[in-house]
Protein backbone atom coordinates (compact mmCIF):
# COMPACT_ATOMS: atom_id res chain seq x y z
CA MET A 1 -13.31 -1.26 5.36
CA THR A 2 -13.86 -4.87 5.38
CA PHE A 3 -11.64 -7.56 6.76
CA LEU A 4 -10.28 -8.65 3.20
CA ARG A 5 -9.82 -5.49 2.25
CA VAL A 6 -7.96 -4.45 5.13
CA LEU A 7 -6.10 -8.25 4.54
CA ARG A 8 -5.60 -7.10 0.64
CA ARG A 9 -4.14 -3.92 1.68
CA ALA A 10 -1.87 -5.74 4.42
CA CYS A 11 -0.30 -7.98 1.87
CA LEU A 12 0.24 -4.92 -0.61
CA ARG A 13 2.53 -2.99 1.73
CA VAL A 14 3.98 -5.75 3.19
CA LEU A 15 5.46 -6.38 -0.24
CA LEU A 16 7.13 -3.19 -0.02
CA SER A 17 10.02 -4.75 2.22
CA LEU A 18 9.90 -7.66 -0.65
CA ALA A 19 9.95 -5.21 -3.63
CA LEU A 20 13.28 -3.23 -1.51
CA THR A 21 14.88 -6.21 -0.35
CA VAL A 22 14.97 -8.76 -2.80
CA CYS A 23 15.78 -6.43 -5.32
CA VAL A 24 19.38 -5.80 -3.76
CA VAL A 25 19.46 -9.08 -1.94
CA ARG A 26 21.25 -12.16 -3.66
CA SER A 27 22.14 -15.40 -2.02
CA GLN A 28 24.88 -15.14 0.38
CA THR A 29 25.12 -18.38 1.99
CA PRO A 30 25.33 -17.52 5.69
CA SER A 31 28.08 -18.89 7.57
CA THR A 32 29.43 -18.66 11.16
CA ARG A 33 33.01 -18.54 10.32
CA PRO A 34 34.23 -15.15 11.10
CA PHE A 35 35.46 -13.27 8.47
CA PRO A 36 38.96 -11.72 7.37
CA ALA A 37 38.87 -7.88 7.97
CA ASN A 38 38.03 -5.44 5.30
CA LYS A 39 37.50 -8.74 3.00
CA VAL A 40 34.42 -9.89 1.66
CA VAL A 41 33.85 -13.44 1.83
CA PHE A 42 32.26 -15.09 -1.92
CA ARG A 43 30.39 -18.56 -0.99
CA THR A 44 30.64 -19.41 -4.16
CA SER A 45 34.38 -19.69 -4.06
CA ASP A 46 35.19 -18.38 -7.64
CA PRO A 47 37.91 -15.49 -8.67
CA LEU A 48 35.10 -14.09 -10.73
CA ASN A 49 33.07 -12.93 -7.83
CA ALA A 50 34.52 -9.76 -6.79
CA GLN A 51 34.48 -8.33 -10.41
CA ALA A 52 30.72 -9.66 -11.19
CA PHE A 53 29.31 -7.97 -8.40
CA ASP A 54 31.21 -4.53 -8.89
CA HIS A 55 30.11 -4.88 -12.40
CA PHE A 56 26.23 -5.33 -10.72
CA TYR A 57 26.59 -2.62 -8.99
CA ASN A 58 27.74 -0.32 -11.55
CA MET A 59 24.95 -1.11 -13.33
CA ASP A 60 26.62 -2.80 -15.90
CA TYR A 61 24.32 -5.89 -16.38
CA ASP A 62 25.50 -7.38 -19.67
CA ARG A 63 28.80 -7.95 -18.15
CA SER A 64 28.10 -8.80 -14.78
CA ILE A 65 25.41 -11.50 -16.52
CA GLN A 66 28.23 -13.29 -18.18
CA GLU A 67 30.65 -13.27 -15.47
CA PHE A 68 28.10 -14.87 -13.53
CA THR A 69 27.55 -17.06 -16.08
CA GLN A 70 30.58 -18.23 -16.30
CA ILE A 71 30.59 -19.01 -12.63
CA LEU A 72 27.63 -21.33 -12.83
CA GLN A 73 29.38 -22.98 -15.35
CA ARG A 74 32.04 -23.88 -13.31
CA HIS A 75 29.32 -24.70 -10.39
CA PRO A 76 26.34 -25.94 -11.61
CA ASP A 77 24.79 -27.65 -8.41
CA ASP A 78 25.54 -24.38 -6.01
CA PRO A 79 22.39 -22.74 -5.32
CA ASN A 80 24.09 -19.87 -4.56
CA ALA A 81 25.46 -19.57 -7.95
CA ILE A 82 22.21 -19.91 -9.61
CA ASN A 83 20.97 -17.46 -7.19
CA HIS A 84 23.25 -14.81 -8.10
CA LEU A 85 23.19 -15.15 -11.67
CA LEU A 86 19.06 -14.92 -11.11
CA ASN A 87 19.46 -11.41 -8.92
CA VAL A 88 21.55 -10.04 -11.68
CA VAL A 89 18.70 -11.39 -15.04
CA LEU A 90 15.90 -10.09 -12.55
CA PHE A 91 18.18 -6.66 -11.71
CA HIS A 92 18.50 -6.01 -15.70
CA GLU A 93 14.84 -6.86 -16.71
CA LEU A 94 13.60 -4.22 -13.88
CA TYR A 95 15.73 -1.81 -14.98
CA ARG A 96 15.05 -1.93 -18.75
CA VAL A 97 11.02 -2.09 -18.11
CA GLY A 98 11.31 0.80 -15.52
CA ALA A 99 10.52 -0.52 -12.13
CA LEU A 100 13.45 0.55 -10.47
CA ASN A 101 13.27 4.55 -9.18
CA ALA A 102 13.79 4.39 -5.00
CA SER A 103 11.26 7.61 -5.20
CA GLU A 104 8.55 4.38 -6.06
CA TYR A 105 9.56 3.29 -2.89
CA ALA A 106 10.00 5.62 -0.71
CA ASN A 107 6.26 5.92 -0.41
CA ASP A 108 3.62 2.94 -1.36
CA SER A 109 3.44 4.46 -5.33
CA PHE A 110 5.14 1.25 -6.47
CA ILE A 111 2.03 -0.80 -5.92
CA ASN A 112 -0.01 0.79 -8.45
CA THR A 113 2.73 2.24 -11.06
CA SER A 114 2.74 0.34 -14.51
CA HIS A 115 5.64 0.26 -16.83
CA ARG A 116 6.64 -1.56 -20.00
CA PRO A 117 6.08 -5.26 -20.38
CA ALA A 118 8.52 -7.76 -19.73
CA ASP A 119 10.38 -9.66 -22.55
CA PRO A 120 9.35 -12.99 -22.36
CA GLN A 121 12.58 -14.59 -22.81
CA THR A 122 13.57 -13.20 -19.83
CA THR A 123 11.03 -13.88 -17.95
CA GLN A 124 11.01 -17.70 -19.06
CA GLN A 125 14.74 -17.58 -17.99
CA ILE A 126 14.14 -16.01 -14.29
CA LYS A 127 11.54 -19.01 -14.00
CA SER A 128 13.83 -21.89 -15.50
CA LEU A 129 16.86 -20.62 -12.88
CA VAL A 130 14.21 -20.56 -10.03
CA GLN A 131 13.18 -23.93 -10.59
CA LYS A 132 16.86 -25.26 -10.91
CA ALA A 133 17.41 -23.92 -7.78
CA LEU A 134 15.07 -24.88 -5.69
CA ALA A 135 15.39 -28.50 -6.99
CA ILE A 136 18.85 -28.06 -5.32
CA GLU A 137 17.60 -27.04 -2.13
CA GLU A 138 14.79 -29.13 -1.37
CA LYS A 139 17.11 -32.18 -1.73
CA ARG A 140 19.16 -31.23 0.47
CA ILE A 141 16.98 -29.86 3.14
CA ASP A 142 15.30 -33.23 2.63
CA ALA A 143 18.50 -34.62 3.30
CA ASN A 144 19.35 -32.19 6.20
CA SER A 145 16.47 -30.28 7.87
CA LYS A 146 19.35 -28.35 9.13
CA ASP A 147 21.51 -27.58 6.46
CA ILE A 148 21.90 -23.66 6.87
CA ASP A 149 22.82 -23.31 4.10
CA ALA A 150 20.65 -24.61 1.44
CA ILE A 151 17.65 -23.11 3.61
CA TYR A 152 19.17 -20.02 3.41
CA ALA A 153 19.48 -20.02 -0.56
CA ARG A 154 15.68 -21.21 -0.59
CA GLY A 155 14.95 -18.39 0.96
CA VAL A 156 17.04 -16.03 -0.81
CA THR A 157 15.63 -17.95 -3.99
CA LYS A 158 11.79 -17.55 -2.95
CA ALA A 159 12.34 -14.14 -2.54
CA GLN A 160 13.84 -13.38 -5.76
CA PHE A 161 11.11 -14.88 -7.02
CA ALA A 162 8.42 -12.90 -4.95
CA THR A 163 9.97 -9.94 -6.83
CA TYR A 164 9.63 -11.13 -9.83
CA THR A 165 5.81 -12.19 -9.52
CA ALA A 166 5.13 -8.95 -7.52
CA LEU A 167 7.28 -6.26 -9.98
CA ILE A 168 7.18 -8.31 -13.32
CA GLU A 169 3.73 -9.89 -13.07
CA HIS A 170 1.30 -7.98 -10.31
CA ALA A 171 0.40 -11.19 -8.77
CA TRP A 172 0.78 -9.89 -5.28
CA PHE A 173 -0.97 -12.70 -3.92
CA ALA A 174 1.30 -15.26 -5.06
CA ALA A 175 4.17 -12.73 -4.75
CA LEU A 176 3.30 -12.83 -0.89
CA ARG A 177 2.95 -16.49 -0.26
CA ASN A 178 6.71 -16.07 -1.72
CA ALA A 179 7.75 -13.67 0.48
CA VAL A 180 6.21 -15.09 3.69
CA ALA A 181 8.11 -18.41 2.98
CA ALA A 182 11.24 -16.38 2.11
CA ARG A 183 11.22 -14.75 5.49
CA HIS A 184 10.29 -17.99 7.21
CA ASP A 185 13.28 -19.34 5.75
CA HIS A 186 15.60 -16.87 7.04
CA GLU A 187 13.65 -17.13 10.53
CA ARG A 188 15.12 -20.81 10.69
CA VAL A 189 18.06 -19.65 9.85
CA LEU A 190 17.95 -16.92 12.48
CA GLU A 191 17.24 -20.05 15.02
CA LEU A 192 19.79 -22.35 13.98
CA ASP A 193 22.31 -19.32 14.22
CA PRO A 194 21.23 -16.41 15.75
CA HIS A 195 24.60 -14.24 15.29
CA ASN A 196 23.97 -14.56 11.51
CA VAL A 197 23.66 -11.05 10.00
CA ASP A 198 22.89 -12.20 6.42
CA ALA A 199 19.59 -14.01 7.66
CA LYS A 200 18.56 -10.36 9.35
CA LEU A 201 18.38 -8.92 6.00
CA ILE A 202 14.80 -9.95 4.98
CA VAL A 203 13.79 -10.65 8.54
CA GLY A 204 14.63 -7.15 9.18
CA ALA A 205 12.88 -5.66 6.23
CA HIS A 206 9.57 -7.22 7.19
CA ASN A 207 9.75 -6.50 10.28
CA TYR A 208 10.10 -2.53 9.83
CA VAL A 209 7.51 -2.64 7.00
CA VAL A 210 5.41 -4.73 9.60
CA GLY A 211 5.91 -2.54 12.34
CA ASN A 212 5.11 0.82 10.31
CA LEU A 213 2.05 -0.16 9.81
CA PRO A 214 -1.81 1.05 11.29
CA TRP A 215 -2.96 -1.04 13.88
CA GLY A 216 -5.82 -2.54 11.67
CA VAL A 217 -3.71 -3.37 8.62
CA LYS A 218 -0.68 -4.87 11.32
CA ALA A 219 -3.66 -6.80 13.05
CA ALA A 220 -4.33 -8.23 9.53
CA SER A 221 -0.76 -9.11 8.92
CA SER A 222 -0.32 -10.68 12.10
CA MET A 223 -3.09 -13.52 11.26
CA ILE A 224 -1.23 -14.41 7.60
CA GLY A 225 1.61 -15.15 9.79
CA LEU A 226 3.69 -11.79 9.24
CA GLY A 227 4.45 -9.90 12.85
CA GLY A 228 6.25 -7.12 12.94
CA ASN A 229 8.50 -4.56 14.86
CA LYS A 230 9.83 -1.17 13.12
CA GLU A 231 12.63 -0.56 16.01
CA LYS A 232 13.47 -4.33 15.46
CA GLY A 233 13.97 -4.35 11.55
CA LEU A 234 16.27 -0.99 11.95
CA GLU A 235 18.26 -2.81 14.30
CA TYR A 236 18.50 -6.41 12.08
CA LEU A 237 19.22 -3.86 9.11
CA GLN A 238 22.17 -2.10 10.52
CA ALA A 239 23.31 -5.14 11.92
CA ALA A 240 23.38 -6.21 8.64
CA ALA A 241 24.98 -3.33 6.85
CA ALA A 242 27.59 -3.19 9.46
CA GLY A 243 29.21 -6.80 8.66
CA ASN A 244 31.47 -7.39 6.08
CA THR A 245 29.60 -10.16 4.35
CA GLU A 246 28.18 -9.90 0.86
CA THR A 247 24.68 -9.03 2.29
CA SER A 248 26.36 -5.48 3.77
CA ILE A 249 25.66 -3.49 0.58
CA ASP A 250 22.66 -4.71 -0.03
CA ALA A 251 20.91 -3.83 3.95
CA LYS A 252 22.66 -0.69 2.98
CA ILE A 253 20.40 0.45 -0.26
CA VAL A 254 17.53 -0.78 1.92
CA LEU A 255 18.44 1.10 4.93
CA LEU A 256 18.71 4.39 2.95
CA VAL A 257 15.31 4.09 1.63
CA PHE A 258 13.64 3.45 4.83
CA LEU A 259 15.52 5.93 6.31
CA ARG A 260 14.17 8.43 3.81
CA ARG A 261 10.56 7.09 4.71
CA GLU A 262 11.65 7.77 8.37
CA ARG A 263 12.54 11.44 7.20
CA ARG A 264 16.15 10.88 8.48
CA PHE A 265 17.96 12.35 5.67
CA ASP A 266 21.05 13.18 7.31
CA GLU A 267 21.50 9.24 7.85
CA SER A 268 20.65 8.56 4.66
CA LEU A 269 22.33 10.71 2.61
CA GLN A 270 25.29 9.54 5.13
CA ILE A 271 25.13 6.00 3.37
CA LEU A 272 24.45 7.01 -0.10
CA ARG A 273 27.39 9.03 -0.05
CA GLU A 274 29.38 6.08 0.99
CA LEU A 275 27.99 3.62 -1.79
CA GLU A 276 28.22 6.41 -4.59
CA PRO A 277 32.47 6.88 -4.81
CA LYS A 278 32.33 3.13 -4.62
CA TYR A 279 30.20 2.70 -8.00
CA PRO A 280 30.91 5.34 -9.98
CA HIS A 281 28.98 4.34 -12.45
CA ASN A 282 25.48 3.64 -11.11
CA VAL A 283 23.31 6.55 -11.94
CA LEU A 284 20.47 5.12 -9.62
CA PHE A 285 22.62 6.09 -6.83
CA ALA A 286 23.29 9.32 -7.85
CA LEU A 287 20.13 10.46 -9.05
CA GLU A 288 18.66 9.72 -5.37
CA GLU A 289 20.99 11.70 -3.97
CA GLY A 290 18.88 14.49 -5.69
CA ASN A 291 16.32 13.17 -4.78
CA GLN A 292 16.92 12.99 -1.12
CA LEU A 293 17.95 16.23 -0.86
CA ARG A 294 14.66 18.09 -2.61
CA ALA A 295 12.96 15.57 0.25
CA LYS A 296 14.88 16.63 2.78
CA GLY A 297 14.33 20.48 1.76
CA GLN A 298 17.30 21.22 -0.23
CA PRO A 299 16.29 22.83 -3.52
CA GLN A 300 19.07 24.43 -4.76
CA GLU A 301 21.59 21.28 -3.48
CA ALA A 302 19.03 19.06 -5.48
CA GLU A 303 19.46 21.40 -8.54
CA ALA A 304 23.42 21.00 -8.40
CA VAL A 305 22.92 17.39 -8.10
CA TYR A 306 20.47 16.91 -11.30
CA ARG A 307 22.97 19.50 -13.14
CA ARG A 308 25.77 17.17 -12.42
CA VAL A 309 24.49 14.09 -13.19
CA TRP A 310 23.04 15.04 -16.52
CA GLN A 311 26.59 16.73 -17.59
CA ASP A 312 28.64 13.58 -15.97
CA GLY A 313 26.29 11.64 -18.76
CA ARG A 314 26.76 13.77 -20.89
CA ASN A 315 30.35 13.16 -21.01
CA GLY A 316 30.10 9.73 -20.85
CA ARG A 317 30.08 8.31 -17.31
CA TYR A 318 26.22 6.63 -17.41
CA SER A 319 27.33 4.78 -20.89
CA GLY A 320 24.03 2.65 -21.84
CA LEU A 321 21.85 3.97 -18.65
CA HIS A 322 19.06 6.26 -18.71
CA TYR A 323 20.74 9.37 -16.76
CA GLU A 324 18.29 11.62 -18.75
CA GLY A 325 15.94 10.83 -15.55
CA ALA A 326 18.43 14.03 -14.58
CA ALA A 327 16.64 16.76 -16.69
CA LEU A 328 13.00 15.15 -15.75
CA ALA A 329 14.40 15.55 -11.94
CA LEU A 330 15.15 18.86 -12.69
CA GLY A 331 12.11 20.00 -14.74
CA ASP A 332 9.68 18.50 -11.95
CA LEU A 333 11.67 20.83 -9.22
CA LEU A 334 12.06 23.95 -11.34
CA ARG A 335 8.84 23.41 -12.40
CA SER A 336 7.87 23.15 -8.47
CA GLN A 337 9.40 26.39 -7.68
CA LYS A 338 7.07 28.31 -10.66
CA ASN A 339 10.37 28.80 -12.56
CA TYR A 340 8.66 27.17 -15.81
CA ALA A 341 10.92 28.40 -18.19
CA ALA A 342 13.57 26.77 -16.91
CA ALA A 343 11.48 23.54 -16.61
CA ALA A 344 10.79 23.96 -19.71
CA THR A 345 14.41 24.17 -21.08
CA ALA A 346 15.21 21.13 -18.32
CA TYR A 347 12.15 19.20 -19.94
CA GLU A 348 13.62 19.57 -23.58
CA GLN A 349 16.95 18.30 -22.55
CA ILE A 350 15.86 14.88 -23.27
CA SER A 351 14.92 15.38 -27.22
CA GLU A 352 19.24 15.38 -26.90
CA ILE A 353 19.39 11.54 -26.06
CA ALA A 354 19.29 9.77 -29.31
CA LYS A 355 17.68 6.74 -27.87
CA PRO A 356 16.11 8.37 -24.54
CA ASP A 357 13.73 5.55 -22.55
CA PRO A 358 10.45 5.98 -23.77
CA GLU A 359 8.85 6.69 -20.48
CA LEU A 360 11.12 9.19 -19.58
CA ALA A 361 10.67 10.87 -22.86
CA GLN A 362 6.88 10.73 -22.34
CA LYS A 363 6.58 11.81 -18.91
CA ALA A 364 9.18 14.75 -20.19
CA ALA A 365 7.67 15.85 -22.74
CA LEU A 366 4.27 16.17 -20.47
CA GLY A 367 6.10 18.04 -18.23
CA ALA A 368 6.72 20.18 -21.09
CA GLY A 369 3.20 20.87 -22.33
CA GLU A 370 2.02 21.89 -19.38
CA VAL A 371 4.87 24.17 -18.09
CA TYR A 372 4.00 25.97 -21.96
CA ASP A 373 0.29 25.85 -20.93
CA LEU A 374 0.83 27.62 -17.38
CA MET A 375 2.86 30.38 -19.60
CA GLN A 376 0.63 30.74 -22.08
CA LYS A 377 1.65 28.74 -24.92
CA ARG A 378 -0.64 27.35 -26.28
CA ASP A 379 0.62 26.00 -29.66
CA LEU A 380 4.00 24.70 -28.02
CA ALA A 381 2.09 22.89 -25.40
CA VAL A 382 0.02 21.27 -28.42
CA LYS A 383 3.19 20.10 -29.95
CA LYS A 384 4.38 18.26 -27.09
CA TYR A 385 0.89 16.65 -25.94
CA GLN A 386 1.01 15.19 -29.74
CA SER A 387 4.47 14.07 -29.10
CA VAL A 388 3.68 12.43 -25.93
CA ILE A 389 0.49 10.66 -27.81
CA ALA A 390 2.67 9.41 -31.03
CA LEU A 391 5.50 7.70 -28.59
CA ASP A 392 2.91 5.83 -26.94
CA GLY A 393 -0.91 6.26 -27.09
CA GLY A 394 -1.97 3.53 -24.19
CA THR A 395 0.09 4.99 -21.39
CA PRO A 396 -1.43 7.37 -18.51
CA GLN A 397 0.88 9.99 -19.76
CA ALA A 398 -0.59 9.97 -23.47
CA GLU A 399 -4.20 9.69 -21.96
CA ALA A 400 -3.38 12.85 -19.61
CA ALA A 401 -2.44 14.48 -22.75
CA ARG A 402 -4.90 13.82 -24.57
CA LYS A 403 -7.40 15.55 -21.65
CA ARG A 404 -4.68 18.37 -22.32
CA MET A 405 -5.29 18.86 -25.86
CA LYS A 406 -9.18 19.84 -24.78
CA ASP A 407 -8.36 21.63 -21.63
CA PRO A 408 -5.13 23.80 -21.63
CA TYR A 409 -3.66 22.78 -18.07
CA LYS A 410 -4.42 25.11 -15.40
CA GLY A 411 -2.39 23.71 -12.79
CA SER A 412 -3.27 21.67 -9.91
């Protein structure tokens, strides 16, 4: 493997940390002041903050955007308010295009996974918010090179822009530049204030990922200014999670995914089950419990979770969200157990949804076609493959369906 290939691999895998971290990190301005017990202090002082964040974590993105927009209108020169709105707009778009599947981030599959194209108007809004925040942050830092709040906010802005360029534009090296800059900003915050737990989130995530790389890739990472230590990374993340600042929830989300990668399922599930009752409308949290149970080797428990999420969705708990992912996950689980008839039934459930997510619908139709082939029901299989192509002929699922129409699926 040439040096350039090693370097590229390092860049891509380091981006795992930004993809995870920035997808959940927001513009919490650090402070050395003590926080009141059991009370989260919002640095943009506004009565709407708690409500806006609650809607954000419950995936009510439209209401959260409206509320953060109102906050920004009242605090137009506060980079934290800008970053809060930037975060929820970015997150909403990532969810819309299908890029918030936690299973992709449990390994490196997120790097090569394609999703639906982003909305041009939304991407322009994201870039505009980034430019506005950076202008304010740079002006403050130029006036005072030790302005901790501005340095921290700039790190968050750059980190969020790195996530945008990585997961939406797939501009990996541009994303890496911003990710490295974000980390350096937060390392600077820790130099000025070593006890700042907020700054440990991005620094900790980067340390974990780089520290988890093979030796050769880690060496390449160090040449572009990214050292790492896995244990230090987890320690930093645990410190951020234990705090009662805004970053604590974000750190817990990152931790549960990293702990899953470490196969420390009991610890990860403990965090997840703490978050679920706090944010009962977050369908991603609910689905992730099933995914982790399956990965842990508890298929019956995972099946029960998927069935519960599906039924909760049918009962209206996840209104406006794609709970049909539970049917797809259930079908995949049953198929892995060679329970093909039950798997087909699970996949077919998605047809009960009036407007299912196109990507999930395609995956379910392809899965149904393949299990029908395994059940020797060729006519049903062909119909499902035809429906996959009819949904969108330009996807990897459609390409697979064309192959299956020529040659019946025999398993893999």
